[in-house]
Each structure stands twice: as C-alpha cells, then as structure tokens.
C-alpha cells in the first residue's frame, strides 16, 4: 500500500502559501515542488530543512507518521 510520505501541500495550505512561492524561496523549479506536493517525488533531507525554515515549522511537521504494521502479518 502506497502512502503519502510528506505533508508539504497541507502545510502550505495552512500557511496560506503556494507551490510557486515555495519554489521561488528555495530557487527550485515549480514542477519539482509540485512533485513534492503530490508525493510523486520527495525532497532530500537538506531541502526538507530549508522548507521547514521557510514555512517556520519543524521538519517533523512536514512528514506523515509511519504506519505501524500488525505483528501477526
């Protein structure tokens, strides 16, 4: 089962910011940021820290909690 790894799009909405704004702040292609927001690609760790700084959040706020698997499976 595939699951979204990041919450970047949700945090952008909460902060009333756009993909385009984030791309400009980071010096990234807007298409790259769009891929992060749709979870079709993931930013590197350094980029996650830069995103968190721009949005004034903790890195953990940009990530979804891991799914806990049942031990019986």
N, C-alpha and C. Protein backbone atom coordinates (compact mmCIF):
# COMPACT_ATOMS: atom_id res chain seq x y z
N UNK A 1 0.85 -1.18 0.00
CA UNK A 1 0.00 0.00 0.00
C UNK A 1 0.89 1.25 0.00
N UNK A 2 0.69 2.10 -1.01
CA UNK A 2 1.46 3.34 -1.05
C UNK A 2 0.79 4.37 -0.16
N UNK A 3 1.62 5.19 0.42
CA UNK A 3 1.12 6.20 1.35
C UNK A 3 1.92 7.47 1.16
N UNK A 4 1.27 8.61 1.29
CA UNK A 4 1.98 9.87 1.18
C UNK A 4 3.01 9.98 2.30
N UNK A 5 4.23 10.32 1.91
CA UNK A 5 5.30 10.44 2.91
C UNK A 5 5.36 11.82 3.54
N UNK A 6 5.03 12.83 2.74
CA UNK A 6 5.15 14.18 3.30
C UNK A 6 3.81 14.90 3.33
N UNK A 7 3.81 15.99 4.09
CA UNK A 7 2.62 16.83 4.28
C UNK A 7 2.87 18.24 3.75
N UNK A 8 3.78 18.38 2.80
CA UNK A 8 4.17 19.71 2.34
C UNK A 8 2.97 20.49 1.85
N UNK A 9 2.14 19.89 1.00
CA UNK A 9 0.98 20.60 0.46
C UNK A 9 0.05 21.06 1.58
N UNK A 10 -0.20 20.20 2.56
CA UNK A 10 -1.08 20.57 3.67
C UNK A 10 -0.52 21.74 4.47
N UNK A 11 0.79 21.73 4.71
CA UNK A 11 1.41 22.81 5.47
C UNK A 11 1.38 24.11 4.65
N UNK A 12 1.60 24.02 3.35
CA UNK A 12 1.49 25.21 2.50
C UNK A 12 0.09 25.82 2.61
N UNK A 13 -0.94 24.97 2.58
CA UNK A 13 -2.31 25.46 2.70
C UNK A 13 -2.52 26.11 4.06
N UNK A 14 -2.04 25.46 5.12
CA UNK A 14 -2.18 26.00 6.48
C UNK A 14 -1.52 27.37 6.59
N UNK A 15 -0.39 27.53 5.90
CA UNK A 15 0.37 28.79 5.97
C UNK A 15 -0.06 29.79 4.90
N UNK A 16 -1.07 29.41 4.10
CA UNK A 16 -1.59 30.26 3.04
C UNK A 16 -0.49 30.66 2.04
N UNK A 17 0.30 29.65 1.66
CA UNK A 17 1.38 29.82 0.69
C UNK A 17 1.14 28.90 -0.49
N UNK A 18 1.78 29.19 -1.61
CA UNK A 18 1.59 28.39 -2.83
C UNK A 18 2.86 27.62 -3.17
N UNK A 19 2.70 26.64 -4.06
CA UNK A 19 3.85 25.90 -4.58
C UNK A 19 4.83 26.87 -5.24
N UNK A 20 4.27 27.81 -6.00
CA UNK A 20 5.11 28.78 -6.72
C UNK A 20 5.94 29.60 -5.73
N UNK A 21 5.31 30.05 -4.66
CA UNK A 21 6.03 30.83 -3.65
C UNK A 21 7.19 30.01 -3.07
N UNK A 22 6.92 28.75 -2.72
CA UNK A 22 7.95 27.89 -2.14
C UNK A 22 9.08 27.67 -3.13
N UNK A 23 8.74 27.44 -4.39
CA UNK A 23 9.76 27.26 -5.43
C UNK A 23 10.65 28.49 -5.52
N UNK A 24 10.06 29.66 -5.48
CA UNK A 24 10.84 30.90 -5.53
C UNK A 24 11.75 31.04 -4.33
N UNK A 25 11.25 30.72 -3.15
CA UNK A 25 12.04 30.84 -1.92
C UNK A 25 13.24 29.90 -1.92
N UNK A 26 13.05 28.72 -2.50
CA UNK A 26 14.10 27.70 -2.49
C UNK A 26 14.98 27.72 -3.74
N UNK A 27 14.59 28.51 -4.75
CA UNK A 27 15.33 28.51 -6.01
C UNK A 27 15.17 27.20 -6.77
N UNK A 28 13.99 26.61 -6.65
CA UNK A 28 13.70 25.33 -7.30
C UNK A 28 12.69 25.54 -8.43
N UNK A 29 12.66 24.59 -9.36
CA UNK A 29 11.68 24.61 -10.43
C UNK A 29 10.30 24.35 -9.83
N UNK A 30 9.30 25.14 -10.22
CA UNK A 30 7.95 24.90 -9.69
C UNK A 30 7.44 23.47 -9.94
N UNK A 31 7.85 22.85 -11.03
CA UNK A 31 7.44 21.47 -11.30
C UNK A 31 7.99 20.51 -10.25
N UNK A 32 9.19 20.79 -9.76
CA UNK A 32 9.79 19.96 -8.71
C UNK A 32 8.97 20.07 -7.42
N UNK A 33 8.62 21.28 -7.05
CA UNK A 33 7.83 21.49 -5.84
C UNK A 33 6.46 20.84 -5.99
N UNK A 34 5.89 20.92 -7.18
CA UNK A 34 4.61 20.26 -7.44
C UNK A 34 4.71 18.76 -7.21
N UNK A 35 5.81 18.15 -7.64
CA UNK A 35 6.00 16.71 -7.42
C UNK A 35 6.08 16.38 -5.93
N UNK A 36 6.73 17.25 -5.16
CA UNK A 36 6.77 17.03 -3.72
C UNK A 36 5.38 17.10 -3.12
N UNK A 37 4.59 18.08 -3.59
CA UNK A 37 3.25 18.29 -3.04
C UNK A 37 2.29 17.17 -3.39
N UNK A 38 2.54 16.48 -4.48
CA UNK A 38 1.69 15.35 -4.85
C UNK A 38 2.29 14.02 -4.40
N UNK A 39 3.43 14.09 -3.74
CA UNK A 39 4.14 12.92 -3.24
C UNK A 39 4.59 11.97 -4.34
N UNK A 40 4.75 12.49 -5.56
CA UNK A 40 5.29 11.66 -6.64
C UNK A 40 6.81 11.69 -6.61
N UNK A 41 7.38 12.62 -5.85
CA UNK A 41 8.83 12.69 -5.59
C UNK A 41 8.99 13.26 -4.19
N UNK A 42 10.16 13.03 -3.61
CA UNK A 42 10.42 13.51 -2.25
C UNK A 42 11.66 14.39 -2.23
N UNK A 43 11.63 15.48 -1.46
CA UNK A 43 12.82 16.32 -1.33
C UNK A 43 13.87 15.62 -0.47
N UNK A 44 15.11 16.00 -0.67
CA UNK A 44 16.18 15.48 0.16
C UNK A 44 16.11 16.06 1.56
N UNK A 45 16.88 15.50 2.46
CA UNK A 45 16.86 15.92 3.86
C UNK A 45 17.22 17.39 4.02
N UNK A 46 18.26 17.84 3.32
CA UNK A 46 18.66 19.24 3.40
C UNK A 46 17.55 20.16 2.92
N UNK A 47 16.87 19.75 1.87
CA UNK A 47 15.77 20.54 1.33
C UNK A 47 14.60 20.57 2.30
N UNK A 48 14.34 19.45 2.97
CA UNK A 48 13.28 19.43 3.98
C UNK A 48 13.55 20.47 5.07
N UNK A 49 14.79 20.58 5.49
CA UNK A 49 15.14 21.58 6.50
C UNK A 49 14.92 22.98 5.96
N UNK A 50 15.26 23.22 4.69
CA UNK A 50 15.06 24.53 4.08
C UNK A 50 13.57 24.85 3.96
N UNK A 51 12.76 23.86 3.60
CA UNK A 51 11.31 24.05 3.52
C UNK A 51 10.76 24.40 4.89
N UNK A 52 11.17 23.66 5.90
CA UNK A 52 10.71 23.92 7.27
C UNK A 52 11.07 25.33 7.70
N UNK A 53 12.26 25.77 7.36
CA UNK A 53 12.69 27.12 7.73
C UNK A 53 11.82 28.16 7.04
N UNK A 54 11.57 27.98 5.75
CA UNK A 54 10.75 28.94 5.00
C UNK A 54 9.32 29.01 5.54
N UNK A 55 8.80 27.88 5.98
CA UNK A 55 7.42 27.82 6.46
C UNK A 55 7.31 28.01 7.98
N UNK A 56 8.46 28.16 8.63
CA UNK A 56 8.50 28.38 10.07
C UNK A 56 7.81 27.25 10.83
N UNK A 57 8.19 26.01 10.47
CA UNK A 57 7.68 24.81 11.13
C UNK A 57 8.85 23.88 11.42
N UNK A 58 8.60 22.84 12.19
CA UNK A 58 9.59 21.80 12.43
C UNK A 58 9.58 20.82 11.26
N UNK A 59 10.72 20.20 10.97
CA UNK A 59 10.78 19.21 9.90
C UNK A 59 9.74 18.12 10.12
N UNK A 60 9.56 17.69 11.36
CA UNK A 60 8.59 16.62 11.64
C UNK A 60 7.17 17.03 11.25
N UNK A 61 6.88 18.34 11.20
CA UNK A 61 5.55 18.80 10.78
C UNK A 61 5.32 18.57 9.29
N UNK A 62 6.39 18.36 8.55
CA UNK A 62 6.30 18.14 7.10
C UNK A 62 6.16 16.67 6.73
N UNK A 63 6.28 15.79 7.72
CA UNK A 63 6.27 14.35 7.46
C UNK A 63 5.08 13.67 8.10
N UNK A 64 4.55 12.67 7.42
CA UNK A 64 3.48 11.85 7.99
C UNK A 64 4.08 10.83 8.94
N UNK A 65 3.30 10.42 9.90
CA UNK A 65 3.72 9.37 10.83
C UNK A 65 3.82 8.05 10.07
N UNK A 66 4.78 7.20 10.43
CA UNK A 66 4.85 5.89 9.76
C UNK A 66 3.67 5.01 10.14
N UNK A 67 3.30 4.12 9.23
CA UNK A 67 2.24 3.16 9.51
C UNK A 67 2.82 2.04 10.34
N UNK A 68 2.13 1.70 11.40
CA UNK A 68 2.59 0.58 12.25
C UNK A 68 1.93 -0.67 11.75
N UNK A 69 2.74 -1.64 11.37
CA UNK A 69 2.24 -2.92 10.85
C UNK A 69 1.87 -3.83 12.01
N UNK A 70 0.86 -4.64 11.81
CA UNK A 70 0.48 -5.65 12.81
C UNK A 70 1.56 -6.73 12.87
N UNK A 71 1.88 -7.19 14.04
CA UNK A 71 2.89 -8.23 14.20
C UNK A 71 2.42 -9.57 13.64
N UNK A 72 1.11 -9.76 13.50
CA UNK A 72 0.57 -11.03 13.02
C UNK A 72 0.59 -11.19 11.52
N UNK A 73 1.04 -10.19 10.79
CA UNK A 73 1.03 -10.28 9.32
C UNK A 73 2.27 -10.92 8.79
